[in-house]
Amino acid sequence: MNIAVFASGSGSNFDVIARQAQEGILDVKVKLLVCDKEHAPVQQKAQALGVPVFRFVPSNYEHKEDFEKDILHVLHEADVELLVLAGYMRLIGPTLLQAYEGKILNIHPSLLPAFPGKDAIEQALQANVKVTGVTIHLVDEGMDTGPIIEQEALRIEEGEDASAVQKKIQQMEHRLYPQVIQQIVKGEI
């Protein structure tokens, strides 16, 4: 299955997915990285792995629909079947939602519906919860509101800060996201 990964930041999930695809662990081909940030480190990871990058500057477009049309054109050229959001910090608009209905995944560092949006780990710590985790869900028009595919819980230990929790969350993400992608490819989900 041909996939595109959308990312805005460091790209740790992109790196794991792309490497597992190249090693044959995942039955996917990462055809494209879509990135909306000029200096995002994920771009260097993609280049190092030979994955083409489509970077766009949202402020260069009048409307979201305009840049999503450009993204859609590139996705169709690459014959992409599944979109995998991995730290992509934008809501997906109607243009992509309609073209890839039911075929857009997102990973979020909380047990949704708790702590949607930005800074989910910090939100969990400020709420003094004892358990947080990771959610993988289908994307809809809302912010982290789509149907949940998989969740895994993580206990927050006394005295842990955001950095420690984030490290544990990322370890879970790096294991869980490829598993779910593979299950989708095999038709198990």
C-alpha atoms as a PDB file:
ATOM      1  CA  MET A   1       0.000   0.000   0.000  1.00  0.00           C
ATOM      2  CA  ASN A   2       1.299   3.452  -0.895  1.00  0.00           C
ATOM      3  CA  ILE A   3       1.167   5.928   1.963  1.00  0.00           C
ATOM      4  CA  ALA A   4       2.025   9.561   2.582  1.00  0.00           C
ATOM      5  CA  VAL A   5       3.109  10.752   6.001  1.00  0.00           C
ATOM      6  CA  PHE A   6       2.182  14.277   7.084  1.00  0.00           C
ATOM      7  CA  ALA A   7       4.458  15.845   9.726  1.00  0.00           C
ATOM      8  CA  SER A   8       5.336  19.299  11.047  1.00  0.00           C
ATOM      9  CA  GLY A   9       8.134  18.644  13.528  1.00  0.00           C
ATOM     10  CA  SER A  10      10.995  16.349  14.454  1.00  0.00           C
ATOM     11  CA  GLY A  11       9.601  13.324  12.656  1.00  0.00           C
ATOM     12  CA  SER A  12      10.295  10.501  15.084  1.00  0.00           C
ATOM     13  CA  ASN A  13       7.140   8.615  14.046  1.00  0.00           C
ATOM     14  CA  PHE A  14       7.884   9.299  10.368  1.00  0.00           C
ATOM     15  CA  ASP A  15      11.384   7.876  10.842  1.00  0.00           C
ATOM     16  CA  VAL A  16      10.107   4.657  12.449  1.00  0.00           C
ATOM     17  CA  ILE A  17       7.405   4.122   9.806  1.00  0.00           C
ATOM     18  CA  ALA A  18       9.710   4.876   6.855  1.00  0.00           C
ATOM     19  CA  ARG A  19      12.504   2.655   8.175  1.00  0.00           C
ATOM     20  CA  GLN A  20      10.139  -0.249   8.875  1.00  0.00           C
ATOM     21  CA  ALA A  21       8.698   0.142   5.373  1.00  0.00           C
ATOM     22  CA  GLN A  22      12.169   0.062   3.819  1.00  0.00           C
ATOM     23  CA  GLU A  23      13.153  -2.970   5.921  1.00  0.00           C
ATOM     24  CA  GLY A  24      10.035  -4.866   4.834  1.00  0.00           C
ATOM     25  CA  ILE A  25       8.550  -4.972   8.337  1.00  0.00           C
ATOM     26  CA  LEU A  26       5.608  -2.876   7.131  1.00  0.00           C
ATOM     27  CA  ASP A  27       3.899  -3.766   3.866  1.00  0.00           C
ATOM     28  CA  VAL A  28       3.776  -0.151   2.719  1.00  0.00           C
ATOM     29  CA  LYS A  29       5.790   2.172   0.553  1.00  0.00           C
ATOM     30  CA  VAL A  30       6.227   5.672   1.947  1.00  0.00           C
ATOM     31  CA  LYS A  31       5.769   7.607  -1.279  1.00  0.00           C
ATOM     32  CA  LEU A  32       5.830  11.096   0.177  1.00  0.00           C
ATOM     33  CA  LEU A  33       6.375  13.285   3.202  1.00  0.00           C
ATOM     34  CA  VAL A  34       4.017  16.275   3.350  1.00  0.00           C
ATOM     35  CA  CYS A  35       5.375  19.059   5.557  1.00  0.00           C
ATOM     36  CA  ASP A  36       4.084  22.546   6.328  1.00  0.00           C
ATOM     37  CA  LYS A  37       7.093  23.921   8.239  1.00  0.00           C
ATOM     38  CA  GLU A  38      10.153  25.294   6.466  1.00  0.00           C
ATOM     39  CA  HIS A  39      12.729  24.186   9.028  1.00  0.00           C
ATOM     40  CA  ALA A  40      11.107  21.010  10.360  1.00  0.00           C
ATOM     41  CA  PRO A  41      13.790  18.368  11.070  1.00  0.00           C
ATOM     42  CA  VAL A  42      11.530  15.658   9.609  1.00  0.00           C
ATOM     43  CA  GLN A  43      12.544  16.872   6.137  1.00  0.00           C
ATOM     44  CA  GLN A  44      16.173  15.867   6.692  1.00  0.00           C
ATOM     45  CA  LYS A  45      15.042  12.438   7.879  1.00  0.00           C
ATOM     46  CA  ALA A  46      12.999  12.008   4.713  1.00  0.00           C
ATOM     47  CA  GLN A  47      15.880  13.080   2.492  1.00  0.00           C
ATOM     48  CA  ALA A  48      18.253  10.697   4.282  1.00  0.00           C
ATOM     49  CA  LEU A  49      15.825   7.840   3.600  1.00  0.00           C
ATOM     50  CA  GLY A  50      15.206   8.863  -0.012  1.00  0.00           C
ATOM     51  CA  VAL A  51      11.555   9.804   0.581  1.00  0.00           C
ATOM     52  CA  PRO A  52      10.346  12.714  -1.576  1.00  0.00           C
ATOM     53  CA  VAL A  53       9.211  15.791   0.352  1.00  0.00           C
ATOM     54  CA  PHE A  54       6.338  18.083  -0.560  1.00  0.00           C
ATOM     55  CA  ARG A  55       6.735  21.186   1.579  1.00  0.00           C
ATOM     56  CA  PHE A  56       4.318  24.024   1.351  1.00  0.00           C
ATOM     57  CA  VAL A  57       3.979  27.382   3.081  1.00  0.00           C
ATOM     58  CA  PRO A  58       0.356  27.823   4.188  1.00  0.00           C
ATOM     59  CA  SER A  59       0.680  31.618   4.356  1.00  0.00           C
ATOM     60  CA  ASN A  60       1.433  31.661   0.614  1.00  0.00           C
ATOM     61  CA  TYR A  61      -2.131  30.531  -0.038  1.00  0.00           C
ATOM     62  CA  GLU A  62      -5.301  32.537   0.338  1.00  0.00           C
ATOM     63  CA  HIS A  63      -7.355  29.579   1.595  1.00  0.00           C
ATOM     64  CA  LYS A  64      -6.777  26.125   3.076  1.00  0.00           C
ATOM     65  CA  GLU A  65      -8.646  24.675   0.099  1.00  0.00           C
ATOM     66  CA  ASP A  66      -5.952  26.053  -2.218  1.00  0.00           C
ATOM     67  CA  PHE A  67      -3.007  24.326  -0.546  1.00  0.00           C
ATOM     68  CA  GLU A  68      -5.042  21.165  -0.019  1.00  0.00           C
ATOM     69  CA  LYS A  69      -5.718  21.062  -3.786  1.00  0.00           C
ATOM     70  CA  ASP A  70      -1.955  21.226  -4.390  1.00  0.00           C
ATOM     71  CA  ILE A  71      -1.386  18.456  -1.819  1.00  0.00           C
ATOM     72  CA  LEU A  72      -4.129  16.354  -3.410  1.00  0.00           C
ATOM     73  CA  HIS A  73      -2.526  16.718  -6.842  1.00  0.00           C
ATOM     74  CA  VAL A  74       0.835  15.479  -5.506  1.00  0.00           C
ATOM     75  CA  LEU A  75      -0.858  12.611  -3.608  1.00  0.00           C
ATOM     76  CA  HIS A  76      -2.656  11.475  -6.754  1.00  0.00           C
ATOM     77  CA  GLU A  77       0.561  11.681  -8.791  1.00  0.00           C
ATOM     78  CA  ALA A  78       2.245   9.412  -6.217  1.00  0.00           C
ATOM     79  CA  ASP A  79      -0.737   7.003  -6.195  1.00  0.00           C
ATOM     80  CA  VAL A  80      -1.124   7.402  -2.411  1.00  0.00           C
ATOM     81  CA  GLU A  81      -3.853   5.264  -0.832  1.00  0.00           C
ATOM     82  CA  LEU A  82      -3.552   6.102   2.886  1.00  0.00           C
ATOM     83  CA  LEU A  83      -2.613   9.299   4.732  1.00  0.00           C
ATOM     84  CA  VAL A  84      -0.740   8.921   8.007  1.00  0.00           C
ATOM     85  CA  LEU A  85      -0.586  12.012  10.212  1.00  0.00           C
ATOM     86  CA  ALA A  86       2.448  11.959  12.489  1.00  0.00           C
ATOM     87  CA  GLY A  87       2.764  15.234  14.343  1.00  0.00           C
ATOM     88  CA  TYR A  88       1.047  17.242  11.615  1.00  0.00           C
ATOM     89  CA  MET A  89      -0.160  20.343  13.426  1.00  0.00           C
ATOM     90  CA  ARG A  90      -3.049  21.340  11.145  1.00  0.00           C
ATOM     91  CA  LEU A  91      -6.647  20.312  10.856  1.00  0.00           C
ATOM     92  CA  ILE A  92      -7.395  18.462   7.631  1.00  0.00           C
ATOM     93  CA  GLY A  93      -9.941  20.340   5.526  1.00  0.00           C
ATOM     94  CA  PRO A  94     -12.831  19.194   3.337  1.00  0.00           C
ATOM     95  CA  THR A  95     -10.726  18.813   0.181  1.00  0.00           C
ATOM     96  CA  LEU A  96      -8.547  16.042   1.655  1.00  0.00           C
ATOM     97  CA  LEU A  97     -11.298  14.640   3.889  1.00  0.00           C
ATOM     98  CA  GLN A  98     -13.539  13.993   0.887  1.00  0.00           C
ATOM     99  CA  ALA A  99     -10.772  12.551  -1.279  1.00  0.00           C
ATOM    100  CA  TYR A 100      -9.482  10.230   1.472  1.00  0.00           C
ATOM    101  CA  GLU A 101     -12.612   9.576   3.519  1.00  0.00           C
ATOM    102  CA  GLY A 102     -11.899   6.809   6.037  1.00  0.00           C
ATOM    103  CA  LYS A 103      -8.272   6.663   4.889  1.00  0.00           C
ATOM    104  CA  ILE A 104      -6.612   9.273   7.108  1.00  0.00           C
ATOM    105  CA  LEU A 105      -4.997   8.160  10.374  1.00  0.00           C
ATOM    106  CA  ASN A 106      -3.785  10.297  13.237  1.00  0.00           C
ATOM    107  CA  ILE A 107      -1.875   9.523  16.397  1.00  0.00           C
ATOM    108  CA  HIS A 108      -2.423  11.597  19.525  1.00  0.00           C
ATOM    109  CA  PRO A 109      -0.544  11.572  22.855  1.00  0.00           C
ATOM    110  CA  SER A 110      -3.549  11.117  25.157  1.00  0.00           C
ATOM    111  CA  LEU A 111      -6.459   8.785  25.733  1.00  0.00           C
ATOM    112  CA  LEU A 112      -8.994  10.645  23.640  1.00  0.00           C
ATOM    113  CA  PRO A 113     -11.470  12.152  24.151  1.00  0.00           C
ATOM    114  CA  ALA A 114      -9.365  13.478  27.042  1.00  0.00           C
ATOM    115  CA  PHE A 115      -6.879  16.246  26.213  1.00  0.00           C
ATOM    116  CA  PRO A 116      -7.397  16.861  22.491  1.00  0.00           C
ATOM    117  CA  GLY A 117      -5.374  19.424  20.564  1.00  0.00           C
ATOM    118  CA  LYS A 118      -1.937  20.825  21.326  1.00  0.00           C
ATOM    119  CA  ASP A 119       0.135  20.091  24.428  1.00  0.00           C
ATOM    120  CA  ALA A 120      -1.827  16.992  25.426  1.00  0.00           C
ATOM    121  CA  ILE A 121       0.924  15.741  27.745  1.00  0.00           C
ATOM    122  CA  GLU A 122       1.114  19.088  29.516  1.00  0.00           C
ATOM    123  CA  GLN A 123      -2.694  19.152  29.745  1.00  0.00           C
ATOM    124  CA  ALA A 124      -2.641  15.716  31.418  1.00  0.00           C
ATOM    125  CA  LEU A 125       0.028  16.780  33.916  1.00  0.00           C
ATOM    126  CA  GLN A 126      -1.817  19.991  34.778  1.00  0.00           C
ATOM    127  CA  ALA A 127      -5.002  17.965  35.361  1.00  0.00           C
ATOM    128  CA  ASN A 128      -3.064  15.705  37.760  1.00  0.00           C
ATOM    129  CA  VAL A 129      -4.336  12.531  36.080  1.00  0.00           C
ATOM    130  CA  LYS A 130      -2.617   9.267  36.937  1.00  0.00           C
ATOM    131  CA  VAL A 131      -3.098   7.693  33.498  1.00  0.00           C
ATOM    132  CA  THR A 132      -2.646   9.035  29.999  1.00  0.00           C
ATOM    133  CA  GLY A 133      -1.641   7.252  26.835  1.00  0.00           C
ATOM    134  CA  VAL A 134      -1.788   7.088  23.062  1.00  0.00           C
ATOM    135  CA  THR A 135      -4.757   7.073  20.698  1.00  0.00           C
ATOM    136  CA  ILE A 136      -4.805   6.205  17.012  1.00  0.00           C
ATOM    137  CA  HIS A 137      -7.955   7.356  15.267  1.00  0.00           C
ATOM    138  CA  LEU A 138      -9.480   8.096  11.899  1.00  0.00           C
ATOM    139  CA  VAL A 139      -9.543  11.769  11.025  1.00  0.00           C
ATOM    140  CA  ASP A 140     -12.788  13.672  10.617  1.00  0.00           C
ATOM    141  CA  GLU A 141     -13.532  17.404  10.440  1.00  0.00           C
ATOM    142  CA  GLY A 142     -13.008  17.945  14.183  1.00  0.00           C
ATOM    143  CA  MET A 143      -9.880  18.238  16.295  1.00  0.00           C
ATOM    144  CA  ASP A 144      -8.995  14.716  17.469  1.00  0.00           C
ATOM    145  CA  THR A 145     -12.657  13.654  17.290  1.00  0.00           C
ATOM    146  CA  GLY A 146     -12.637  10.852  14.692  1.00  0.00           C
ATOM    147  CA  PRO A 147     -13.470   7.202  15.404  1.00  0.00           C
ATOM    148  CA  ILE A 148     -10.904   5.573  17.684  1.00  0.00           C
ATOM    149  CA  ILE A 149      -9.020   2.589  16.250  1.00  0.00           C
ATOM    150  CA  GLU A 150      -6.604   1.778  19.081  1.00  0.00           C
ATOM    151  CA  GLN A 151      -5.578   3.104  22.482  1.00  0.00           C
ATOM    152  CA  GLU A 152      -2.926   2.185  24.980  1.00  0.00           C
ATOM    153  CA  ALA A 153      -2.661   3.514  28.523  1.00  0.00           C
ATOM    154  CA  LEU A 154       0.403   4.790  30.339  1.00  0.00           C
ATOM    155  CA  ARG A 155       0.633   5.353  34.069  1.00  0.00           C
ATOM    156  CA  ILE A 156       2.141   8.697  35.069  1.00  0.00           C
ATOM    157  CA  GLU A 157       4.550   8.098  37.924  1.00  0.00           C
ATOM    158  CA  GLU A 158       4.784  10.484  40.861  1.00  0.00           C
ATOM    159  CA  GLY A 159       7.125  13.382  40.086  1.00  0.00           C
ATOM    160  CA  GLU A 160       7.422  12.731  36.338  1.00  0.00           C
ATOM    161  CA  ASP A 161       7.719  15.844  34.213  1.00  0.00           C
ATOM    162  CA  ALA A 162       6.505  16.429  30.661  1.00  0.00           C
ATOM    163  CA  SER A 163       9.836  15.366  29.171  1.00  0.00           C
ATOM    164  CA  ALA A 164       9.804  11.986  30.942  1.00  0.00           C
ATOM    165  CA  VAL A 165       6.182  11.323  30.012  1.00  0.00           C
ATOM    166  CA  GLN A 166       6.815  12.362  26.403  1.00  0.00           C
ATOM    167  CA  LYS A 167       9.716   9.916  26.136  1.00  0.00           C
ATOM    168  CA  LYS A 168       7.480   7.049  27.301  1.00  0.00           C
ATOM    169  CA  ILE A 169       4.636   8.172  25.026  1.00  0.00           C
ATOM    170  CA  GLN A 170       6.956   8.245  22.009  1.00  0.00           C
ATOM    171  CA  GLN A 171       8.173   4.718  22.747  1.00  0.00           C
ATOM    172  CA  MET A 172       4.535   3.574  22.774  1.00  0.00           C
ATOM    173  CA  GLU A 173       3.784   5.481  19.563  1.00  0.00           C
ATOM    174  CA  HIS A 174       6.787   3.988  17.760  1.00  0.00           C
ATOM    175  CA  ARG A 175       5.528   0.497  18.561  1.00  0.00           C
ATOM    176  CA  LEU A 176       1.769   0.994  18.245  1.00  0.00           C
ATOM    177  CA  TYR A 177       1.489   3.127  15.084  1.00  0.00           C
ATOM    178  CA  PRO A 178       3.329   0.681  12.795  1.00  0.00           C
ATOM    179  CA  GLN A 179       1.257  -2.195  14.238  1.00  0.00           C
ATOM    180  CA  VAL A 180      -2.010  -0.426  13.410  1.00  0.00           C
ATOM    181  CA  ILE A 181      -0.798   0.553   9.928  1.00  0.00           C
ATOM    182  CA  GLN A 182       0.129  -3.073   9.236  1.00  0.00           C
ATOM    183  CA  GLN A 183      -3.276  -4.267  10.481  1.00  0.00           C
ATOM    184  CA  ILE A 184      -4.974  -1.817   8.105  1.00  0.00           C
ATOM    185  CA  VAL A 185      -2.827  -2.974   5.188  1.00  0.00           C
ATOM    186  CA  LYS A 186      -3.727  -6.602   5.930  1.00  0.00           C
ATOM    187  CA  GLY A 187      -7.427  -5.730   6.157  1.00  0.00           C
ATOM    188  CA  GLU A 188      -7.636  -6.642   9.847  1.00  0.00           C
ATOM    189  CA  ILE A 189      -8.938  -3.169  10.708  1.00  0.00           C
END
